[in-house]
C-alpha atoms as a PDB file:
ATOM      1  CA  MET A   1     -31.822 -10.227  -7.085  1.00  0.00           C
ATOM      2  CA  SER A   2     -29.630 -11.550  -4.667  1.00  0.00           C
ATOM      3  CA  THR A   3     -30.088  -9.304  -1.060  1.00  0.00           C
ATOM      4  CA  ARG A   4     -26.997  -7.762  -2.106  1.00  0.00           C
ATOM      5  CA  ASN A   5     -27.739  -6.335  -5.918  1.00  0.00           C
ATOM      6  CA  GLY A   6     -31.218  -5.265  -4.234  1.00  0.00           C
ATOM      7  CA  GLU A   7     -28.964  -3.231  -1.725  1.00  0.00           C
ATOM      8  CA  ILE A   8     -26.776  -1.698  -4.468  1.00  0.00           C
ATOM      9  CA  THR A   9     -29.671  -0.531  -7.048  1.00  0.00           C
ATOM     10  CA  ALA A  10     -31.739   0.685  -3.665  1.00  0.00           C
ATOM     11  CA  PHE A  11     -28.242   2.961  -2.988  1.00  0.00           C
ATOM     12  CA  LEU A  12     -27.814   4.254  -6.917  1.00  0.00           C
ATOM     13  CA  THR A  13     -31.227   4.601  -7.505  1.00  0.00           C
ATOM     14  CA  ALA A  14     -32.092   6.515  -4.077  1.00  0.00           C
ATOM     15  CA  ASN A  15     -29.014   9.286  -4.811  1.00  0.00           C
ATOM     16  CA  GLY A  16     -29.611   9.024  -8.577  1.00  0.00           C
ATOM     17  CA  TYR A  17     -27.538   6.874 -10.457  1.00  0.00           C
ATOM     18  CA  GLY A  18     -30.415   4.073 -11.089  1.00  0.00           C
ATOM     19  CA  SER A  19     -30.326   4.546 -14.440  1.00  0.00           C
ATOM     20  CA  TRP A  20     -26.428   4.508 -15.264  1.00  0.00           C
ATOM     21  CA  THR A  21     -24.735   1.947 -16.872  1.00  0.00           C
ATOM     22  CA  ALA A  22     -22.369  -0.024 -14.147  1.00  0.00           C
ATOM     23  CA  LYS A  23     -19.245  -1.964 -15.345  1.00  0.00           C
ATOM     24  CA  PRO A  24     -17.446  -4.243 -12.969  1.00  0.00           C
ATOM     25  CA  LEU A  25     -13.762  -2.990 -12.620  1.00  0.00           C
ATOM     26  CA  ALA A  26     -10.343  -4.737 -11.451  1.00  0.00           C
ATOM     27  CA  GLY A  27     -10.184  -5.013  -7.325  1.00  0.00           C
ATOM     28  CA  ASP A  28      -7.060  -5.609  -5.255  1.00  0.00           C
ATOM     29  CA  ALA A  29      -5.862  -7.617  -2.537  1.00  0.00           C
ATOM     30  CA  SER A  30      -9.061  -7.097  -0.309  1.00  0.00           C
ATOM     31  CA  SER A  31     -13.275  -7.987   0.063  1.00  0.00           C
ATOM     32  CA  ARG A  32     -13.735  -4.567  -1.977  1.00  0.00           C
ATOM     33  CA  ARG A  33     -15.301  -4.820  -5.202  1.00  0.00           C
ATOM     34  CA  TYR A  34     -15.859  -1.899  -7.670  1.00  0.00           C
ATOM     35  CA  GLN A  35     -17.972  -0.827 -10.051  1.00  0.00           C
ATOM     36  CA  ARG A  36     -17.609   2.115 -12.859  1.00  0.00           C
ATOM     37  CA  LEU A  37     -20.946   3.726 -13.533  1.00  0.00           C
ATOM     38  CA  THR A  38     -21.581   5.788 -16.977  1.00  0.00           C
ATOM     39  CA  SER A  39     -24.336   8.459 -17.589  1.00  0.00           C
ATOM     40  CA  GLU A  40     -26.102   8.306 -21.159  1.00  0.00           C
ATOM     41  CA  ARG A  41     -23.882  11.764 -21.477  1.00  0.00           C
ATOM     42  CA  GLY A  42     -20.658  10.236 -20.911  1.00  0.00           C
ATOM     43  CA  ALA A  43     -20.319  10.934 -17.126  1.00  0.00           C
ATOM     44  CA  SER A  44     -19.094   8.895 -14.483  1.00  0.00           C
ATOM     45  CA  ALA A  45     -18.708   7.730 -10.882  1.00  0.00           C
ATOM     46  CA  ILE A  46     -17.275   4.856  -8.822  1.00  0.00           C
ATOM     47  CA  LEU A  47     -18.836   2.577  -6.617  1.00  0.00           C
ATOM     48  CA  MET A  48     -17.340   1.014  -4.135  1.00  0.00           C
ATOM     49  CA  ASP A  49     -18.765  -2.259  -2.508  1.00  0.00           C
ATOM     50  CA  TRP A  50     -17.512  -3.215   0.782  1.00  0.00           C
ATOM     51  CA  PRO A  51     -20.100  -5.066   3.106  1.00  0.00           C
ATOM     52  CA  PRO A  52     -19.592  -5.221   6.433  1.00  0.00           C
ATOM     53  CA  ALA A  53     -20.171  -8.871   6.395  1.00  0.00           C
ATOM     54  CA  ASP A  54     -16.850  -9.170   4.645  1.00  0.00           C
ATOM     55  CA  GLY A  55     -15.508  -7.227   7.037  1.00  0.00           C
ATOM     56  CA  GLY A  56     -15.892  -4.062   5.340  1.00  0.00           C
ATOM     57  CA  ASP A  57     -16.063  -0.057   6.849  1.00  0.00           C
ATOM     58  CA  THR A  58     -16.266   2.683   4.482  1.00  0.00           C
ATOM     59  CA  GLN A  59     -16.075   5.302   7.457  1.00  0.00           C
ATOM     60  CA  PRO A  60     -12.471   5.787   7.777  1.00  0.00           C
ATOM     61  CA  PHE A  61     -12.253   6.036   3.144  1.00  0.00           C
ATOM     62  CA  ALA A  62     -15.147   8.271   3.592  1.00  0.00           C
ATOM     63  CA  ASP A  63     -13.232  10.329   6.797  1.00  0.00           C
ATOM     64  CA  LEU A  64      -9.691  10.434   5.527  1.00  0.00           C
ATOM     65  CA  ALA A  65     -11.164  11.484   1.434  1.00  0.00           C
ATOM     66  CA  GLU A  66     -12.387  14.441   3.012  1.00  0.00           C
ATOM     67  CA  ASN A  67     -10.120  15.562   5.117  1.00  0.00           C
ATOM     68  CA  LEU A  68      -6.758  14.573   2.424  1.00  0.00           C
ATOM     69  CA  ARG A  69      -8.758  16.981  -0.225  1.00  0.00           C
ATOM     70  CA  HIS A  70      -9.330  19.941   2.383  1.00  0.00           C
ATOM     71  CA  LYS A  71      -4.929  19.407   2.143  1.00  0.00           C
ATOM     72  CA  GLY A  72      -5.033  20.284  -1.433  1.00  0.00           C
ATOM     73  CA  VAL A  73      -5.133  16.043  -2.419  1.00  0.00           C
ATOM     74  CA  SER A  74      -6.436  14.751  -5.244  1.00  0.00           C
ATOM     75  CA  ALA A  75      -8.052  11.783  -3.320  1.00  0.00           C
ATOM     76  CA  PRO A  76     -11.749  10.733  -4.754  1.00  0.00           C
ATOM     77  CA  GLU A  77     -14.721  13.286  -3.678  1.00  0.00           C
ATOM     78  CA  ILE A  78     -17.449  11.136  -1.894  1.00  0.00           C
ATOM     79  CA  ILE A  79     -20.517  11.694  -3.896  1.00  0.00           C
ATOM     80  CA  ALA A  80     -22.866   9.524  -1.771  1.00  0.00           C
ATOM     81  CA  ARG A  81     -22.688   7.236   0.941  1.00  0.00           C
ATOM     82  CA  ASP A  82     -23.959   4.144   2.873  1.00  0.00           C
ATOM     83  CA  HIS A  83     -21.903   2.941   5.809  1.00  0.00           C
ATOM     84  CA  ALA A  84     -24.177   0.700   7.074  1.00  0.00           C
ATOM     85  CA  ARG A  85     -24.184  -1.211   4.209  1.00  0.00           C
ATOM     86  CA  GLY A  86     -20.839  -0.683   3.006  1.00  0.00           C
ATOM     87  CA  LEU A  87     -21.639   1.313  -0.209  1.00  0.00           C
ATOM     88  CA  LEU A  88     -19.669   4.315  -1.616  1.00  0.00           C
ATOM     89  CA  LEU A  89     -20.228   6.295  -4.645  1.00  0.00           C
ATOM     90  CA  ILE A  90     -17.374   8.079  -5.413  1.00  0.00           C
ATOM     91  CA  GLU A  91     -15.616  10.666  -7.842  1.00  0.00           C
ATOM     92  CA  ASP A  92     -14.242   8.672 -10.676  1.00  0.00           C
ATOM     93  CA  LEU A  93     -10.399   9.696 -10.700  1.00  0.00           C
ATOM     94  CA  GLY A  94      -9.481   7.881 -14.429  1.00  0.00           C
ATOM     95  CA  ASP A  95      -7.544   5.317 -15.702  1.00  0.00           C
ATOM     96  CA  ALA A  96      -4.338   6.942 -15.612  1.00  0.00           C
ATOM     97  CA  LEU A  97      -2.302   4.663 -13.188  1.00  0.00           C
ATOM     98  CA  PHE A  98       0.945   5.423 -12.911  1.00  0.00           C
ATOM     99  CA  THR A  99       1.645   1.568 -14.058  1.00  0.00           C
ATOM    100  CA  GLU A 100      -0.386   2.113 -17.002  1.00  0.00           C
ATOM    101  CA  VAL A 101       1.695   5.935 -17.986  1.00  0.00           C
ATOM    102  CA  ILE A 102       4.836   5.019 -17.357  1.00  0.00           C
ATOM    103  CA  ALA A 103       4.377   1.751 -19.340  1.00  0.00           C
ATOM    104  CA  GLN A 104       3.057   3.926 -22.631  1.00  0.00           C
ATOM    105  CA  ASP A 105       5.806   6.185 -22.022  1.00  0.00           C
ATOM    106  CA  SER A 106       9.096   5.394 -20.331  1.00  0.00           C
ATOM    107  CA  SER A 107      10.389   8.822 -20.307  1.00  0.00           C
ATOM    108  CA  ALA A 108       7.402   9.477 -17.683  1.00  0.00           C
ATOM    109  CA  GLU A 109       8.783   7.505 -15.037  1.00  0.00           C
ATOM    110  CA  MET A 110      11.398   9.853 -13.377  1.00  0.00           C
ATOM    111  CA  PRO A 111       8.681  12.840 -13.417  1.00  0.00           C
ATOM    112  CA  LEU A 112       5.607  10.996 -11.928  1.00  0.00           C
ATOM    113  CA  TYR A 113       7.739   9.847  -9.342  1.00  0.00           C
ATOM    114  CA  ARG A 114       9.205  12.997  -8.230  1.00  0.00           C
ATOM    115  CA  ALA A 115       5.567  13.960  -8.241  1.00  0.00           C
ATOM    116  CA  ALA A 116       4.475  11.144  -6.037  1.00  0.00           C
ATOM    117  CA  THR A 117       7.509  12.193  -3.943  1.00  0.00           C
ATOM    118  CA  ASP A 118       6.417  15.894  -3.360  1.00  0.00           C
ATOM    119  CA  LEU A 119       3.203  14.862  -2.372  1.00  0.00           C
ATOM    120  CA  LEU A 120       4.573  12.420   0.043  1.00  0.00           C
ATOM    121  CA  VAL A 121       6.545  15.863   1.535  1.00  0.00           C
ATOM    122  CA  HIS A 122       3.494  17.901   1.531  1.00  0.00           C
ATOM    123  CA  LEU A 123       1.413  15.014   3.297  1.00  0.00           C
ATOM    124  CA  GLN A 124       4.027  14.615   5.888  1.00  0.00           C
ATOM    125  CA  GLY A 125       4.355  18.423   6.678  1.00  0.00           C
ATOM    126  CA  THR A 126       0.475  19.203   7.385  1.00  0.00           C
ATOM    127  CA  PRO A 127      -1.486  17.217   9.679  1.00  0.00           C
ATOM    128  CA  VAL A 128      -4.132  15.242   8.474  1.00  0.00           C
ATOM    129  CA  ALA A 129      -6.031  12.920  10.771  1.00  0.00           C
ATOM    130  CA  ASP A 130      -5.952  11.575  14.154  1.00  0.00           C
ATOM    131  CA  LEU A 131      -4.628   8.386  13.348  1.00  0.00           C
ATOM    132  CA  PRO A 132      -3.567   5.364  15.397  1.00  0.00           C
ATOM    133  CA  PRO A 133       0.226   5.214  15.356  1.00  0.00           C
ATOM    134  CA  LEU A 134       2.233   2.486  13.765  1.00  0.00           C
ATOM    135  CA  GLY A 135       5.054   2.086  16.453  1.00  0.00           C
ATOM    136  CA  PRO A 136       7.614  -0.261  16.907  1.00  0.00           C
ATOM    137  CA  ARG A 137       6.320  -3.117  18.448  1.00  0.00           C
ATOM    138  CA  THR A 138       3.268  -3.298  16.140  1.00  0.00           C
ATOM    139  CA  MET A 139       6.090  -2.751  13.389  1.00  0.00           C
ATOM    140  CA  ALA A 140       7.942  -5.868  14.915  1.00  0.00           C
ATOM    141  CA  GLU A 141       4.622  -8.103  15.214  1.00  0.00           C
ATOM    142  CA  MET A 142       3.371  -7.293  12.123  1.00  0.00           C
ATOM    143  CA  THR A 143       6.502  -9.078  10.477  1.00  0.00           C
ATOM    144  CA  SER A 144       4.893 -12.398  12.247  1.00  0.00           C
ATOM    145  CA  LEU A 145       3.503 -13.328   8.954  1.00  0.00           C
ATOM    146  CA  ALA A 146       6.617 -13.812   7.325  1.00  0.00           C
ATOM    147  CA  PHE A 147       6.996 -16.729   9.887  1.00  0.00           C
ATOM    148  CA  SER A 148       3.362 -18.235  10.165  1.00  0.00           C
ATOM    149  CA  GLU A 149       2.317 -17.879   6.525  1.00  0.00           C
ATOM    150  CA  TYR A 150       5.345 -17.845   3.935  1.00  0.00           C
ATOM    151  CA  ARG A 151       8.029 -19.780   5.947  1.00  0.00           C
ATOM    152  CA  GLN A 152       4.860 -22.138   7.159  1.00  0.00           C
ATOM    153  CA  THR A 153       3.742 -22.532   3.563  1.00  0.00           C
ATOM    154  CA  VAL A 154       7.457 -23.541   1.949  1.00  0.00           C
ATOM    155  CA  LEU A 155       8.460 -25.727   4.815  1.00  0.00           C
ATOM    156  CA  GLY A 156       5.788 -26.802   7.056  1.00  0.00           C
ATOM    157  CA  ASP A 157       6.757 -25.148   9.900  1.00  0.00           C
ATOM    158  CA  PRO A 158       6.802 -21.268  11.557  1.00  0.00           C
ATOM    159  CA  ALA A 159       9.862 -21.564  13.565  1.00  0.00           C
ATOM    160  CA  GLU A 160       7.825 -20.131  16.372  1.00  0.00           C
ATOM    161  CA  GLY A 161      11.081 -19.651  18.978  1.00  0.00           C
ATOM    162  CA  VAL A 162      13.292 -18.052  16.155  1.00  0.00           C
ATOM    163  CA  LYS A 163      10.083 -15.863  15.360  1.00  0.00           C
ATOM    164  CA  ALA A 164       9.541 -15.215  18.983  1.00  0.00           C
ATOM    165  CA  ARG A 165      13.188 -13.562  19.949  1.00  0.00           C
ATOM    166  CA  PHE A 166      13.510 -11.757  16.196  1.00  0.00           C
ATOM    167  CA  GLU A 167      10.476  -9.939  17.194  1.00  0.00           C
ATOM    168  CA  ASN A 168      12.188  -8.656  20.215  1.00  0.00           C
ATOM    169  CA  ARG A 169      15.619  -7.835  18.808  1.00  0.00           C
ATOM    170  CA  PHE A 170      13.740  -6.233  15.959  1.00  0.00           C
ATOM    171  CA  GLU A 171      11.598  -4.183  18.026  1.00  0.00           C
ATOM    172  CA  ASP A 172      14.857  -2.503  19.405  1.00  0.00           C
ATOM    173  CA  ILE A 173      16.350  -1.626  16.164  1.00  0.00           C
ATOM    174  CA  LEU A 174      13.353  -0.168  15.020  1.00  0.00           C
ATOM    175  CA  ARG A 175      13.038   2.107  18.132  1.00  0.00           C
ATOM    176  CA  GLU A 176      16.474   2.649  17.633  1.00  0.00           C
ATOM    177  CA  HIS A 177      15.967   3.998  14.244  1.00  0.00           C
ATOM    178  CA  LEU A 178      12.620   5.023  13.772  1.00  0.00           C
ATOM    179  CA  GLN A 179      13.124   8.441  15.416  1.00  0.00           C
ATOM    180  CA  GLY A 180      11.488  11.877  15.037  1.00  0.00           C
ATOM    181  CA  ASP A 181       7.492  12.823  14.636  1.00  0.00           C
ATOM    182  CA  MET A 182       5.458  10.225  13.472  1.00  0.00           C
ATOM    183  CA  VAL A 183       3.646  11.671  10.248  1.00  0.00           C
ATOM    184  CA  PHE A 184       0.613  10.869   7.795  1.00  0.00           C
ATOM    185  CA  VAL A 185       1.484   6.875   6.412  1.00  0.00           C
ATOM    186  CA  HIS A 186      -0.630   5.362   3.411  1.00  0.00           C
ATOM    187  CA  ARG A 187       0.443   2.174   4.013  1.00  0.00           C
ATOM    188  CA  ASP A 188       0.266   1.378   0.524  1.00  0.00           C
ATOM    189  CA  TYR A 189       1.534   4.323  -1.508  1.00  0.00           C
ATOM    190  CA  HIS A 190       2.941   2.881  -4.982  1.00  0.00           C
ATOM    191  CA  ALA A 191       2.301   2.920  -8.874  1.00  0.00           C
ATOM    192  CA  GLN A 192      -1.144   0.843  -8.832  1.00  0.00           C
ATOM    193  CA  ASN A 193      -2.690   3.002  -6.103  1.00  0.00           C
ATOM    194  CA  LEU A 194      -1.333   6.595  -7.992  1.00  0.00           C
ATOM    195  CA  LEU A 195      -3.222   8.081 -11.061  1.00  0.00           C
ATOM    196  CA  TRP A 196      -1.752  10.694 -13.353  1.00  0.00           C
ATOM    197  CA  LEU A 197      -3.673  13.885 -13.547  1.00  0.00           C
ATOM    198  CA  PRO A 198      -2.201  16.422 -15.827  1.00  0.00           C
ATOM    199  CA  GLU A 199      -5.054  18.481 -15.993  1.00  0.00           C
ATOM    200  CA  ARG A 200      -4.390  19.785 -12.393  1.00  0.00           C
ATOM    201  CA  ALA A 201      -1.362  22.004 -10.880  1.00  0.00           C
ATOM    202  CA  GLY A 202       1.077  20.953  -8.322  1.00  0.00           C
ATOM    203  CA  ILE A 203       0.089  17.953  -5.689  1.00  0.00           C
ATOM    204  CA  ALA A 204      -2.802  17.792  -7.191  1.00  0.00           C
ATOM    205  CA  ARG A 205      -1.565  16.255 -10.337  1.00  0.00           C
ATOM    206  CA  VAL A 206      -1.023  12.955  -8.447  1.00  0.00           C
ATOM    207  CA  GLY A 207      -4.664  11.068  -7.436  1.00  0.00           C
ATOM    208  CA  VAL A 208      -4.509   9.080  -4.313  1.00  0.00           C
ATOM    209  CA  ILE A 209      -6.600   6.123  -3.770  1.00  0.00           C
ATOM    210  CA  ASP A 210      -7.005   2.960  -1.462  1.00  0.00           C
ATOM    211  CA  PHE A 211      -6.071   4.743   1.806  1.00  0.00           C
ATOM    212  CA  GLN A 212      -8.387   3.556   4.171  1.00  0.00           C
ATOM    213  CA  ASP A 213      -5.306   1.533   6.287  1.00  0.00           C
ATOM    214  CA  ALA A 214      -3.595   5.008   7.242  1.00  0.00           C
ATOM    215  CA  LYS A 215      -1.953   5.008  10.258  1.00  0.00           C
ATOM    216  CA  LEU A 216       0.589   7.811  11.731  1.00  0.00           C
ATOM    217  CA  GLY A 217       4.159   6.568  11.546  1.00  0.00           C
ATOM    218  CA  HIS A 218       7.894   7.028  10.558  1.00  0.00           C
ATOM    219  CA  ARG A 219       8.193   9.725   7.481  1.00  0.00           C
ATOM    220  CA  ALA A 220      10.474   6.872   5.546  1.00  0.00           C
ATOM    221  CA  TYR A 221       7.565   4.178   5.172  1.00  0.00           C
ATOM    222  CA  ASP A 222       5.659   5.553   2.707  1.00  0.00           C
ATOM    223  CA  LEU A 223       8.601   6.444   0.320  1.00  0.00           C
ATOM    224  CA  VAL A 224       9.672   2.598   0.855  1.00  0.00           C
ATOM    225  CA  SER A 225       6.640   2.000  -0.132  1.00  0.00           C
ATOM    226  CA  LEU A 226       6.685   3.644  -3.504  1.00  0.00           C
ATOM    227  CA  LEU A 227      10.400   2.761  -4.311  1.00  0.00           C
ATOM    228  CA  GLN A 228      10.280  -0.985  -3.534  1.00  0.00           C
ATOM    229  CA  ASP A 229       7.165  -1.888  -5.384  1.00  0.00           C
ATOM    230  CA  ALA A 230       6.412  -5.106  -5.092  1.00  0.00           C
ATOM    231  CA  ARG A 231       4.451  -5.222  -8.317  1.00  0.00           C
ATOM    232  CA  ARG A 232       7.133  -3.501 -10.423  1.00  0.00           C
ATOM    233  CA  ASP A 233      10.620  -3.225 -10.652  1.00  0.00           C
ATOM    234  CA  VAL A 234      11.513   0.500 -10.164  1.00  0.00           C
ATOM    235  CA  PRO A 235      14.999   1.165 -11.608  1.00  0.00           C
ATOM    236  CA  ALA A 236      17.578   1.856  -8.996  1.00  0.00           C
ATOM    237  CA  GLY A 237      18.431   5.205 -10.274  1.00  0.00           C
ATOM    238  CA  VAL A 238      14.906   6.426  -9.612  1.00  0.00           C
ATOM    239  CA  GLU A 239      15.105   4.942  -6.303  1.00  0.00           C
ATOM    240  CA  LEU A 240      18.228   6.309  -5.359  1.00  0.00           C
ATOM    241  CA  GLN A 241      17.364  10.243  -7.245  1.00  0.00           C
ATOM    242  CA  MET A 242      13.869   9.972  -4.878  1.00  0.00           C
ATOM    243  CA  ILE A 243      15.745   9.462  -1.586  1.00  0.00           C
ATOM    244  CA  ASP A 244      18.263  12.160  -2.417  1.00  0.00           C
ATOM    245  CA  HIS A 245      15.430  13.993  -4.030  1.00  0.00           C
ATOM    246  CA  TYR A 246      13.447  13.628  -0.589  1.00  0.00           C
ATOM    247  CA  ILE A 247      16.068  14.220   2.127  1.00  0.00           C
ATOM    248  CA  HIS A 248      17.308  17.560   0.185  1.00  0.00           C
ATOM    249  CA  ALA A 249      13.478  18.690  -0.225  1.00  0.00           C
ATOM    250  CA  THR A 250      12.549  17.996   4.034  1.00  0.00           C
ATOM    251  CA  ASN A 251      16.068  19.126   5.105  1.00  0.00           C
ATOM    252  CA  ILE A 252      16.207  15.642   7.153  1.00  0.00           C
ATOM    253  CA  ASP A 253      19.482  14.035   8.519  1.00  0.00           C
ATOM    254  CA  ASP A 254      20.950  11.648   5.467  1.00  0.00           C
ATOM    255  CA  SER A 255      22.503   8.956   7.352  1.00  0.00           C
ATOM    256  CA  ALA A 256      19.676   8.634  10.163  1.00  0.00           C
ATOM    257  CA  PHE A 257      16.830   8.699   7.312  1.00  0.00           C
ATOM    258  CA  ARG A 258      18.668   6.299   5.033  1.00  0.00           C
ATOM    259  CA  SER A 259      18.885   3.308   8.249  1.00  0.00           C
ATOM    260  CA  ALA A 260      15.401   3.939   9.198  1.00  0.00           C
ATOM    261  CA  TYR A 261      14.808   3.250   5.263  1.00  0.00           C
ATOM    262  CA  ALA A 262      16.683   0.236   5.181  1.00  0.00           C
ATOM    263  CA  VAL A 263      14.650  -0.772   8.463  1.00  0.00           C
ATOM    264  CA  ILE A 264      11.299  -0.338   7.281  1.00  0.00           C
ATOM    265  CA  GLY A 265      12.091  -1.908   3.820  1.00  0.00           C
ATOM    266  CA  VAL A 266      12.820  -5.233   5.247  1.00  0.00           C
ATOM    267  CA  GLN A 267       9.985  -4.833   7.914  1.00  0.00           C
ATOM    268  CA  ARG A 268       7.454  -4.048   5.133  1.00  0.00           C
ATOM    269  CA  ASN A 269       8.889  -6.684   2.812  1.00  0.00           C
ATOM    270  CA  MET A 270       8.495  -9.151   5.602  1.00  0.00           C
ATOM    271  CA  ARG A 271       5.000  -8.685   5.938  1.00  0.00           C
ATOM    272  CA  ILE A 272       4.477  -8.979   2.325  1.00  0.00           C
ATOM    273  CA  LEU A 273       6.058 -12.083   1.947  1.00  0.00           C
ATOM    274  CA  GLY A 274       3.406 -13.397   4.518  1.00  0.00           C
ATOM    275  CA  ILE A 275       0.649 -11.746   2.870  1.00  0.00           C
ATOM    276  CA  PHE A 276       1.202 -12.584  -0.478  1.00  0.00           C
ATOM    277  CA  ALA A 277       1.644 -16.523   0.763  1.00  0.00           C
ATOM    278  CA  ARG A 278      -1.609 -16.172   2.340  1.00  0.00           C
ATOM    279  CA  LEU A 279      -3.664 -14.863  -0.536  1.00  0.00           C
ATOM    280  CA  SER A 280      -2.187 -17.199  -2.413  1.00  0.00           C
ATOM    281  CA  GLN A 281      -3.191 -20.283   0.234  1.00  0.00           C
ATOM    282  CA  ASN A 282      -6.493 -18.719   1.644  1.00  0.00           C
ATOM    283  CA  ALA A 283      -8.265 -16.675  -1.541  1.00  0.00           C
ATOM    284  CA  GLY A 284      -6.911 -18.553  -4.306  1.00  0.00           C
ATOM    285  CA  LYS A 285      -5.445 -15.661  -5.615  1.00  0.00           C
ATOM    286  CA  HIS A 286      -2.100 -17.619  -6.535  1.00  0.00           C
ATOM    287  CA  HIS A 287      -0.925 -14.305  -9.296  1.00  0.00           C
ATOM    288  CA  TYR A 288       0.548 -12.640  -5.967  1.00  0.00           C
ATOM    289  CA  ILE A 289       3.443 -15.683  -6.119  1.00  0.00           C
ATOM    290  CA  ASP A 290       4.645 -14.158  -8.902  1.00  0.00           C
ATOM    291  CA  TYR A 291       5.713 -10.622  -7.170  1.00  0.00           C
ATOM    292  CA  VAL A 292       7.616 -12.848  -4.433  1.00  0.00           C
ATOM    293  CA  PRO A 293      11.173 -12.805  -6.044  1.00  0.00           C
ATOM    294  CA  ARG A 294      11.240  -9.083  -6.193  1.00  0.00           C
ATOM    295  CA  VAL A 295       9.888  -8.804  -2.855  1.00  0.00           C
ATOM    296  CA  TRP A 296      12.837 -10.746  -1.681  1.00  0.00           C
ATOM    297  CA  ALA A 297      15.282  -8.845  -3.469  1.00  0.00           C
ATOM    298  CA  HIS A 298      14.443  -5.797  -2.014  1.00  0.00           C
ATOM    299  CA  PHE A 299      14.451  -8.030   1.802  1.00  0.00           C
ATOM    300  CA  GLU A 300      17.337  -9.535   1.253  1.00  0.00           C
ATOM    301  CA  ARG A 301      18.982  -5.926  -0.529  1.00  0.00           C
ATOM    302  CA  GLY A 302      17.941  -4.180   3.316  1.00  0.00           C
ATOM    303  CA  LEU A 303      19.179  -6.457   5.102  1.00  0.00           C
ATOM    304  CA  ASN A 304      22.735  -5.768   3.976  1.00  0.00           C
ATOM    305  CA  HIS A 305      22.352  -2.206   5.812  1.00  0.00           C
ATOM    306  CA  PRO A 306      24.984  -2.082   9.037  1.00  0.00           C
ATOM    307  CA  ALA A 307      21.231  -1.411  11.000  1.00  0.00           C
ATOM    308  CA  LEU A 308      20.392  -4.869  10.113  1.00  0.00           C
ATOM    309  CA  ALA A 309      23.892  -6.880  10.922  1.00  0.00           C
ATOM    310  CA  PRO A 310      22.002  -7.614  14.412  1.00  0.00           C
ATOM    311  CA  VAL A 311      19.065  -9.808  12.662  1.00  0.00           C
ATOM    312  CA  ALA A 312      20.241 -10.723   9.190  1.00  0.00           C
ATOM    313  CA  GLU A 313      22.160 -13.788   9.376  1.00  0.00           C
ATOM    314  CA  GLU A 314      19.713 -15.410  11.521  1.00  0.00           C
ATOM    315  CA  LEU A 315      16.734 -14.110   8.974  1.00  0.00           C
ATOM    316  CA  LEU A 316      18.161 -15.319   6.001  1.00  0.00           C
ATOM    317  CA  THR A 317      18.865 -19.119   7.603  1.00  0.00           C
ATOM    318  CA  ALA A 318      15.030 -18.952   8.919  1.00  0.00           C
ATOM    319  CA  LEU A 319      13.283 -17.834   6.120  1.00  0.00           C
ATOM    320  CA  PRO A 320      13.583 -19.803   2.724  1.00  0.00           C
ATOM    321  CA  ALA A 321      14.519 -18.061  -0.357  1.00  0.00           C
ATOM    322  CA  PRO A 322      12.037 -18.353  -3.343  1.00  0.00           C
ATOM    323  CA  THR A 323      13.406 -21.154  -5.241  1.00  0.00           C
ATOM    324  CA  PRO A 324      11.090 -22.757  -8.113  1.00  0.00           C
ATOM    325  CA  ASP A 325      10.525 -25.383  -5.387  1.00  0.00           C
ATOM    326  CA  ALA A 326       9.151 -22.990  -3.080  1.00  0.00           C
ATOM    327  CA  LEU A 327       7.296 -20.629  -5.743  1.00  0.00           C
ATOM    328  CA  GLU A 328       5.588 -24.086  -6.546  1.00  0.00           C
ATOM    329  CA  ARG A 329       4.452 -24.530  -2.526  1.00  0.00           C
ATOM    330  CA  LEU A 330       3.306 -21.334  -2.095  1.00  0.00           C
ATOM    331  CA  ARG A 331       0.959 -21.327  -5.381  1.00  0.00           C
ATOM    332  CA  ALA A 332      -0.410 -24.679  -4.661  1.00  0.00           C
END
């Protein structure tokens, strides 16, 4: 038995789960690993295995889960924890990911996205936690991955001068358009991190996971994450209706919010291009390159907004489109 397996066995035994059957679950883009534990009577729980040696820190997830639950949000209950060893035992919210529910019943798409949008409105209207801010300078710097990972892999040149010039100009655009109070930002709020729990009521019908990287940021950020999903095509009609629904529900300035939505869309999709390139090159997770054309389409569409006019032409010149040849290099 490996040292890690021994630690897991000791943790589960100490908390009364040593005899439960374990089955691996699909992970995400991080080094986290998950197992579903099942008892002889059919009860279940989830083991999160995130070793500190791999950069894991289970404390933020546990703290935020408890904070969110106090606000009526269906985040997983923390059953047991050993932060020193990077182990959490959490509530099993099931398998009804939005992606799976919609695949089985396309008529559920609009109601599910409306429920997810309503949850955002609730989250942003309630103080959730003392979180670090996601400010304009940080957001501008986060776009660097589009140059250092995506462009570098495709063209062999990170265009450092263009990158530095763009970051400074983009910071100015962010400062101009990301006005207003900073709110809870999940940062990965999309259909594969949301679960449908129809037996619950109101906002609790939407289960939320993978929120450990939450920050304080602009209220458009998570709506962009939800509606400009890297992993699935969200119909244009759904995106437009949910933006309208959000604006109506919050009574926020229409024009200012749409500008912020476009600017954050470009920022977020640039970062994703870089992250997916890095995951393919450094971690051998080549399937992420299948999503690159969709991410590029979101990015290119966002640049059509007048708020991005000062940088659009230079960006489209500097960053290579995901042609078949480019995608092959990203997968290599």
